[in-house]
Amino acid sequence: THQRKLIDCAPLLAEFAGQVAGLGEKFAVLLVQLPPKLAFDEKVASAFFRQVRKVFAVPLALEPRHASWFTSEIDAWLAERRIARVAADPARVPEAAIVGGWDGLAYYRWHGAPRVYFSDYDQAALRHLGDKLRRHLSRGVPSWCIFDNTASGAALGNALALAASLGVESIMGKSAAITLYGIKNCDTMKKARAWLDAKGVAYDFHDYKIAGIDRPTLET
């Protein structure tokens, strides 16, 4: 996407398919994020997505960022090819804030606002997002939400708060107990643990470096 600009990507797609093959049934959706300056080119995009479909059978979510992708005509073009357009925050254009394209998948990608990758979302924002997801789920639409505000460690807390509001734990048949897996000295782990501690969220920490990890746990 960012280096080849969607051109002549067949070898890279085949390589990526091999890298993710171990995910098995957990590989449930493929996100394609485009660089901010990549404008819509029907010939290039058509060829690329034909190549993608030859390799991957999972639903596709596209996160374009150039304004040329956000028109009713392009939405119809994406829908015809069963490609869902991501709803992103912050939105580069107003249309980018809502899902578009194929309506058989809803995919939200929140990067942190106003400071991208850093800002923590407040409860009002998470409630608003939760309402949107509930509407999709009530219609039986598979729905995904990814928090990308990881630089400050806020992503984990936002995801947990949203999941709790949607009742994800009970749906999955799991308790609300949290086990955090990582390496103690990792900066991301430090931020995540600091966030959980500040919010008073109880959790167990599994340090790979000390306790290791067994294959059955990795495969669950």
C-alpha atoms as a PDB file:
ATOM      1  CA  THR A   1       0.000   0.000   0.000  1.00  0.00           C
ATOM      2  CA  HIS A   2       2.504   2.615   1.112  1.00  0.00           C
ATOM      3  CA  GLN A   3       5.512   1.608  -0.978  1.00  0.00           C
ATOM      4  CA  ARG A   4       4.015  -0.052  -4.066  1.00  0.00           C
ATOM      5  CA  LYS A   5       0.909   2.186  -4.089  1.00  0.00           C
ATOM      6  CA  LEU A   6      -1.216  -0.922  -4.920  1.00  0.00           C
ATOM      7  CA  ILE A   7       0.785  -1.639  -8.093  1.00  0.00           C
ATOM      8  CA  ASP A   8       2.259  -5.104  -8.843  1.00  0.00           C
ATOM      9  CA  CYS A   9       1.528  -6.466  -5.380  1.00  0.00           C
ATOM     10  CA  ALA A  10       0.888 -10.143  -6.215  1.00  0.00           C
ATOM     11  CA  PRO A  11       4.233 -11.416  -4.800  1.00  0.00           C
ATOM     12  CA  LEU A  12       3.787  -9.377  -1.608  1.00  0.00           C
ATOM     13  CA  LEU A  13       0.221 -10.623  -1.142  1.00  0.00           C
ATOM     14  CA  ALA A  14       1.391 -14.220  -1.510  1.00  0.00           C
ATOM     15  CA  GLU A  15       4.170 -13.614   1.021  1.00  0.00           C
ATOM     16  CA  PHE A  16       1.740 -12.027   3.480  1.00  0.00           C
ATOM     17  CA  ALA A  17      -0.679 -14.922   3.067  1.00  0.00           C
ATOM     18  CA  GLY A  18       2.054 -17.289   4.193  1.00  0.00           C
ATOM     19  CA  GLN A  19       2.856 -15.104   7.189  1.00  0.00           C
ATOM     20  CA  VAL A  20      -0.732 -15.071   8.487  1.00  0.00           C
ATOM     21  CA  ALA A  21      -1.642 -18.663   7.607  1.00  0.00           C
ATOM     22  CA  GLY A  22      -1.032 -19.748  11.205  1.00  0.00           C
ATOM     23  CA  LEU A  23      -3.964 -17.634  12.373  1.00  0.00           C
ATOM     24  CA  GLY A  24      -6.394 -20.158  10.923  1.00  0.00           C
ATOM     25  CA  GLU A  25     -10.012 -19.300  11.751  1.00  0.00           C
ATOM     26  CA  LYS A  26      -8.863 -16.278  13.790  1.00  0.00           C
ATOM     27  CA  PHE A  27      -8.001 -14.537  10.529  1.00  0.00           C
ATOM     28  CA  ALA A  28     -11.499 -13.095  10.151  1.00  0.00           C
ATOM     29  CA  VAL A  29     -11.025  -9.771   8.345  1.00  0.00           C
ATOM     30  CA  LEU A  30      -8.314  -8.037   6.324  1.00  0.00           C
ATOM     31  CA  LEU A  31      -7.655  -4.316   6.787  1.00  0.00           C
ATOM     32  CA  VAL A  32      -6.113  -2.355   3.922  1.00  0.00           C
ATOM     33  CA  GLN A  33      -4.924   1.112   4.976  1.00  0.00           C
ATOM     34  CA  LEU A  34      -3.934   3.530   2.227  1.00  0.00           C
ATOM     35  CA  PRO A  35      -1.408   6.385   2.477  1.00  0.00           C
ATOM     36  CA  PRO A  36      -2.828   9.907   2.807  1.00  0.00           C
ATOM     37  CA  LYS A  37      -1.721  11.017  -0.662  1.00  0.00           C
ATOM     38  CA  LEU A  38      -2.980   7.968  -2.578  1.00  0.00           C
ATOM     39  CA  ALA A  39      -5.901   9.174  -4.707  1.00  0.00           C
ATOM     40  CA  PHE A  40      -8.499   6.859  -6.210  1.00  0.00           C
ATOM     41  CA  ASP A  41      -7.423   5.340  -9.528  1.00  0.00           C
ATOM     42  CA  GLU A  42     -10.034   2.875 -10.746  1.00  0.00           C
ATOM     43  CA  LYS A  43      -7.672   0.882 -12.955  1.00  0.00           C
ATOM     44  CA  VAL A  44      -5.058   0.485 -10.208  1.00  0.00           C
ATOM     45  CA  ALA A  45      -7.590  -0.217  -7.450  1.00  0.00           C
ATOM     46  CA  SER A  46      -9.502  -2.761  -9.537  1.00  0.00           C
ATOM     47  CA  ALA A  47      -6.352  -4.688 -10.373  1.00  0.00           C
ATOM     48  CA  PHE A  48      -5.183  -4.655  -6.764  1.00  0.00           C
ATOM     49  CA  PHE A  49      -8.420  -5.896  -5.259  1.00  0.00           C
ATOM     50  CA  ARG A  50      -8.723  -8.620  -7.899  1.00  0.00           C
ATOM     51  CA  GLN A  51      -5.310  -9.820  -6.740  1.00  0.00           C
ATOM     52  CA  VAL A  52      -6.411  -9.646  -3.100  1.00  0.00           C
ATOM     53  CA  ARG A  53      -9.515 -11.732  -3.812  1.00  0.00           C
ATOM     54  CA  LYS A  54      -7.424 -14.424  -5.478  1.00  0.00           C
ATOM     55  CA  VAL A  55      -5.415 -14.846  -2.273  1.00  0.00           C
ATOM     56  CA  PHE A  56      -7.810 -14.051   0.593  1.00  0.00           C
ATOM     57  CA  ALA A  57     -11.385 -15.191   1.165  1.00  0.00           C
ATOM     58  CA  VAL A  58     -11.992 -13.100   4.308  1.00  0.00           C
ATOM     59  CA  PRO A  59     -14.057  -9.880   4.372  1.00  0.00           C
ATOM     60  CA  LEU A  60     -12.159  -6.721   3.418  1.00  0.00           C
ATOM     61  CA  ALA A  61     -12.055  -3.370   5.222  1.00  0.00           C
ATOM     62  CA  LEU A  62     -10.473  -0.403   3.481  1.00  0.00           C
ATOM     63  CA  GLU A  63      -9.156   2.705   5.236  1.00  0.00           C
ATOM     64  CA  PRO A  64      -8.549   5.318   2.527  1.00  0.00           C
ATOM     65  CA  ARG A  65      -7.324   8.731   3.584  1.00  0.00           C
ATOM     66  CA  HIS A  66      -7.282  10.807   0.398  1.00  0.00           C
ATOM     67  CA  ALA A  67     -10.434  12.884  -0.157  1.00  0.00           C
ATOM     68  CA  SER A  68     -11.008  11.404  -3.624  1.00  0.00           C
ATOM     69  CA  TRP A  69     -12.219   8.124  -2.082  1.00  0.00           C
ATOM     70  CA  PHE A  70     -15.143   9.709  -0.226  1.00  0.00           C
ATOM     71  CA  THR A  71     -17.853  10.102  -2.848  1.00  0.00           C
ATOM     72  CA  SER A  72     -21.155   8.319  -3.405  1.00  0.00           C
ATOM     73  CA  GLU A  73     -19.785   6.880  -6.638  1.00  0.00           C
ATOM     74  CA  ILE A  74     -16.769   5.342  -4.915  1.00  0.00           C
ATOM     75  CA  ASP A  75     -19.010   4.051  -2.122  1.00  0.00           C
ATOM     76  CA  ALA A  76     -21.094   2.234  -4.733  1.00  0.00           C
ATOM     77  CA  TRP A  77     -17.899   0.952  -6.392  1.00  0.00           C
ATOM     78  CA  LEU A  78     -16.704  -0.479  -3.066  1.00  0.00           C
ATOM     79  CA  ALA A  79     -20.109  -1.965  -2.237  1.00  0.00           C
ATOM     80  CA  GLU A  80     -20.231  -3.749  -5.587  1.00  0.00           C
ATOM     81  CA  ARG A  81     -16.923  -5.414  -4.703  1.00  0.00           C
ATOM     82  CA  ARG A  82     -17.991  -6.207  -1.123  1.00  0.00           C
ATOM     83  CA  ILE A  83     -15.362  -3.908   0.400  1.00  0.00           C
ATOM     84  CA  ALA A  84     -16.325  -2.080   3.599  1.00  0.00           C
ATOM     85  CA  ARG A  85     -14.945   1.424   4.131  1.00  0.00           C
ATOM     86  CA  VAL A  86     -13.549   2.083   7.601  1.00  0.00           C
ATOM     87  CA  ALA A  87     -14.988   4.744   9.892  1.00  0.00           C
ATOM     88  CA  ALA A  88     -11.912   6.527  11.239  1.00  0.00           C
ATOM     89  CA  ASP A  89     -11.270   9.005  14.024  1.00  0.00           C
ATOM     90  CA  PRO A  90      -9.989  11.613  13.621  1.00  0.00           C
ATOM     91  CA  ALA A  91     -11.622  11.928  10.202  1.00  0.00           C
ATOM     92  CA  ARG A  92      -9.645  13.670   7.475  1.00  0.00           C
ATOM     93  CA  VAL A  93     -12.931  14.540   5.742  1.00  0.00           C
ATOM     94  CA  PRO A  94     -16.418  14.403   7.331  1.00  0.00           C
ATOM     95  CA  GLU A  95     -17.386  11.285   5.354  1.00  0.00           C
ATOM     96  CA  ALA A  96     -14.423   9.395   6.801  1.00  0.00           C
ATOM     97  CA  ALA A  97     -16.093   9.348  10.227  1.00  0.00           C
ATOM     98  CA  ILE A  98     -18.868   7.000   9.090  1.00  0.00           C
ATOM     99  CA  VAL A  99     -18.754   3.521   7.614  1.00  0.00           C
ATOM    100  CA  GLY A 100     -19.256   3.262   3.876  1.00  0.00           C
ATOM    101  CA  GLY A 101     -18.967   0.919   0.939  1.00  0.00           C
ATOM    102  CA  TRP A 102     -20.247  -2.619   1.543  1.00  0.00           C
ATOM    103  CA  ASP A 103     -22.725  -2.785   4.415  1.00  0.00           C
ATOM    104  CA  GLY A 104     -21.991  -6.414   5.270  1.00  0.00           C
ATOM    105  CA  LEU A 105     -19.153  -5.396   7.605  1.00  0.00           C
ATOM    106  CA  ALA A 106     -18.665  -2.481  10.013  1.00  0.00           C
ATOM    107  CA  TYR A 107     -15.089  -1.557  10.911  1.00  0.00           C
ATOM    108  CA  TYR A 108     -14.130   1.360  13.194  1.00  0.00           C
ATOM    109  CA  ARG A 109     -10.535   2.484  13.629  1.00  0.00           C
ATOM    110  CA  TRP A 110      -9.989   5.146  16.268  1.00  0.00           C
ATOM    111  CA  HIS A 111      -6.492   6.603  16.378  1.00  0.00           C
ATOM    112  CA  GLY A 112      -6.863   9.040  19.273  1.00  0.00           C
ATOM    113  CA  ALA A 113      -8.180  12.615  19.142  1.00  0.00           C
ATOM    114  CA  PRO A 114      -7.289  15.408  19.280  1.00  0.00           C
ATOM    115  CA  ARG A 115      -3.726  14.088  19.549  1.00  0.00           C
ATOM    116  CA  VAL A 116      -3.373  11.127  17.197  1.00  0.00           C
ATOM    117  CA  TYR A 117      -1.968   7.955  18.812  1.00  0.00           C
ATOM    118  CA  PHE A 118      -1.950   9.582  22.271  1.00  0.00           C
ATOM    119  CA  SER A 119      -5.331  10.998  23.318  1.00  0.00           C
ATOM    120  CA  ASP A 120      -7.558   8.985  25.641  1.00  0.00           C
ATOM    121  CA  TYR A 121     -11.247   8.795  24.679  1.00  0.00           C
ATOM    122  CA  ASP A 122     -13.665   9.888  27.379  1.00  0.00           C
ATOM    123  CA  GLN A 123     -16.786   8.020  28.431  1.00  0.00           C
ATOM    124  CA  ALA A 124     -19.076  10.176  26.275  1.00  0.00           C
ATOM    125  CA  ALA A 125     -17.104   9.320  23.132  1.00  0.00           C
ATOM    126  CA  LEU A 126     -17.056   5.630  24.005  1.00  0.00           C
ATOM    127  CA  ARG A 127     -20.810   5.607  24.684  1.00  0.00           C
ATOM    128  CA  HIS A 128     -21.421   7.223  21.287  1.00  0.00           C
ATOM    129  CA  LEU A 129     -19.232   4.621  19.613  1.00  0.00           C
ATOM    130  CA  GLY A 130     -20.934   1.829  21.543  1.00  0.00           C
ATOM    131  CA  ASP A 131     -24.346   3.019  20.317  1.00  0.00           C
ATOM    132  CA  LYS A 132     -23.135   2.820  16.723  1.00  0.00           C
ATOM    133  CA  LEU A 133     -21.792  -0.693  17.204  1.00  0.00           C
ATOM    134  CA  ARG A 134     -25.032  -1.838  18.841  1.00  0.00           C
ATOM    135  CA  ARG A 135     -27.007  -0.684  15.814  1.00  0.00           C
ATOM    136  CA  HIS A 136     -24.764  -2.688  13.491  1.00  0.00           C
ATOM    137  CA  LEU A 137     -24.916  -5.750  15.728  1.00  0.00           C
ATOM    138  CA  SER A 138     -28.698  -5.539  16.036  1.00  0.00           C
ATOM    139  CA  ARG A 139     -28.864  -5.929  12.256  1.00  0.00           C
ATOM    140  CA  GLY A 140     -26.537  -8.914  12.355  1.00  0.00           C
ATOM    141  CA  VAL A 141     -23.583  -7.052  10.815  1.00  0.00           C
ATOM    142  CA  PRO A 142     -20.139  -8.328  11.913  1.00  0.00           C
ATOM    143  CA  SER A 143     -18.537  -5.357  13.647  1.00  0.00           C
ATOM    144  CA  TRP A 144     -14.936  -4.523  14.526  1.00  0.00           C
ATOM    145  CA  CYS A 145     -13.377  -1.700  16.500  1.00  0.00           C
ATOM    146  CA  ILE A 146      -9.639  -1.100  16.747  1.00  0.00           C
ATOM    147  CA  PHE A 147      -8.088   1.501  19.064  1.00  0.00           C
ATOM    148  CA  ASP A 148      -4.778   2.787  17.753  1.00  0.00           C
ATOM    149  CA  ASN A 149      -4.041   5.324  20.530  1.00  0.00           C
ATOM    150  CA  THR A 150      -1.303   3.075  21.854  1.00  0.00           C
ATOM    151  CA  ALA A 151       1.475   5.634  22.350  1.00  0.00           C
ATOM    152  CA  SER A 152       0.074   6.669  25.735  1.00  0.00           C
ATOM    153  CA  GLY A 153      -1.285   3.234  26.655  1.00  0.00           C
ATOM    154  CA  ALA A 154      -4.879   4.472  26.343  1.00  0.00           C
ATOM    155  CA  ALA A 155      -5.928   1.908  23.732  1.00  0.00           C
ATOM    156  CA  LEU A 156      -6.190  -0.994  26.172  1.00  0.00           C
ATOM    157  CA  GLY A 157      -8.370   0.910  28.621  1.00  0.00           C
ATOM    158  CA  ASN A 158     -10.619   2.261  25.894  1.00  0.00           C
ATOM    159  CA  ALA A 159     -11.061  -1.225  24.443  1.00  0.00           C
ATOM    160  CA  LEU A 160     -11.873  -2.736  27.833  1.00  0.00           C
ATOM    161  CA  ALA A 161     -14.380   0.011  28.650  1.00  0.00           C
ATOM    162  CA  LEU A 162     -16.103  -0.366  25.289  1.00  0.00           C
ATOM    163  CA  ALA A 163     -16.160  -4.158  25.544  1.00  0.00           C
ATOM    164  CA  ALA A 164     -17.687  -3.989  29.012  1.00  0.00           C
ATOM    165  CA  SER A 165     -20.398  -1.579  27.844  1.00  0.00           C
ATOM    166  CA  LEU A 166     -21.285  -3.956  25.003  1.00  0.00           C
ATOM    167  CA  GLY A 167     -21.301  -7.016  27.249  1.00  0.00           C
ATOM    168  CA  VAL A 168     -18.546  -8.666  25.228  1.00  0.00           C
ATOM    169  CA  GLU A 169     -17.299 -10.689  28.221  1.00  0.00           C
ATOM    170  CA  SER A 170     -20.652 -12.422  28.721  1.00  0.00           C
ATOM    171  CA  ILE A 171     -21.053 -13.006  24.989  1.00  0.00           C
ATOM    172  CA  MET A 172     -17.684 -14.715  24.876  1.00  0.00           C
ATOM    173  CA  GLY A 173     -18.425 -16.718  28.004  1.00  0.00           C
ATOM    174  CA  LYS A 174     -15.423 -15.304  29.820  1.00  0.00           C
ATOM    175  CA  SER A 175     -15.075 -13.647  33.190  1.00  0.00           C
ATOM    176  CA  ALA A 176     -14.068 -10.020  33.495  1.00  0.00           C
ATOM    177  CA  ALA A 177     -10.665 -10.997  34.957  1.00  0.00           C
ATOM    178  CA  ILE A 178      -7.787  -9.581  32.936  1.00  0.00           C
ATOM    179  CA  THR A 179      -4.457 -11.221  32.230  1.00  0.00           C
ATOM    180  CA  LEU A 180      -1.922  -8.949  30.585  1.00  0.00           C
ATOM    181  CA  TYR A 181       0.764 -10.783  28.608  1.00  0.00           C
ATOM    182  CA  GLY A 182       4.069  -9.128  27.808  1.00  0.00           C
ATOM    183  CA  ILE A 183       7.563  -8.249  28.990  1.00  0.00           C
ATOM    184  CA  LYS A 184       7.873  -6.142  32.129  1.00  0.00           C
ATOM    185  CA  ASN A 185      10.426  -3.692  30.730  1.00  0.00           C
ATOM    186  CA  CYS A 186       8.538  -3.088  27.461  1.00  0.00           C
ATOM    187  CA  ASP A 187       7.517   0.592  27.200  1.00  0.00           C
ATOM    188  CA  THR A 188       4.065  -0.327  25.889  1.00  0.00           C
ATOM    189  CA  MET A 189       3.510  -2.711  28.785  1.00  0.00           C
ATOM    190  CA  LYS A 190       4.606  -0.018  31.250  1.00  0.00           C
ATOM    191  CA  LYS A 191       2.066   2.410  29.799  1.00  0.00           C
ATOM    192  CA  ALA A 192      -0.730  -0.168  29.777  1.00  0.00           C
ATOM    193  CA  ARG A 193      -0.049  -1.186  33.366  1.00  0.00           C
ATOM    194  CA  ALA A 194       0.144   2.445  34.478  1.00  0.00           C
ATOM    195  CA  TRP A 195      -3.229   3.121  32.851  1.00  0.00           C
ATOM    196  CA  LEU A 196      -4.838   0.089  34.516  1.00  0.00           C
ATOM    197  CA  ASP A 197      -3.356   1.002  37.883  1.00  0.00           C
ATOM    198  CA  ALA A 198      -4.554   4.602  37.587  1.00  0.00           C
ATOM    199  CA  LYS A 199      -8.082   3.424  36.778  1.00  0.00           C
ATOM    200  CA  GLY A 200      -8.086   0.876  39.591  1.00  0.00           C
ATOM    201  CA  VAL A 201      -8.547  -2.066  37.202  1.00  0.00           C
ATOM    202  CA  ALA A 202      -7.408  -5.390  38.680  1.00  0.00           C
ATOM    203  CA  TYR A 203      -5.275  -7.611  36.440  1.00  0.00           C
ATOM    204  CA  ASP A 204      -2.691 -10.373  36.450  1.00  0.00           C
ATOM    205  CA  PHE A 205       0.571  -9.803  34.602  1.00  0.00           C
ATOM    206  CA  HIS A 206       2.198 -12.705  32.779  1.00  0.00           C
ATOM    207  CA  ASP A 207       5.850 -11.916  32.028  1.00  0.00           C
ATOM    208  CA  TYR A 208       7.014 -13.928  29.023  1.00  0.00           C
ATOM    209  CA  LYS A 209      10.651 -13.460  30.005  1.00  0.00           C
ATOM    210  CA  ILE A 210      10.125 -15.046  33.424  1.00  0.00           C
ATOM    211  CA  ALA A 211       7.224 -17.451  33.007  1.00  0.00           C
ATOM    212  CA  GLY A 212       7.481 -18.271  29.322  1.00  0.00           C
ATOM    213  CA  ILE A 213       4.386 -19.395  27.417  1.00  0.00           C
ATOM    214  CA  ASP A 214       3.107 -22.787  26.315  1.00  0.00           C
ATOM    215  CA  ARG A 215       1.678 -23.654  22.926  1.00  0.00           C
ATOM    216  CA  PRO A 216      -1.907 -24.400  24.109  1.00  0.00           C
ATOM    217  CA  THR A 217      -2.107 -20.905  25.618  1.00  0.00           C
ATOM    218  CA  LEU A 218      -0.852 -19.338  22.413  1.00  0.00           C
ATOM    219  CA  GLU A 219      -3.440 -21.225  20.405  1.00  0.00           C
ATOM    220  CA  THR A 220      -6.439 -20.266  22.567  1.00  0.00           C
END
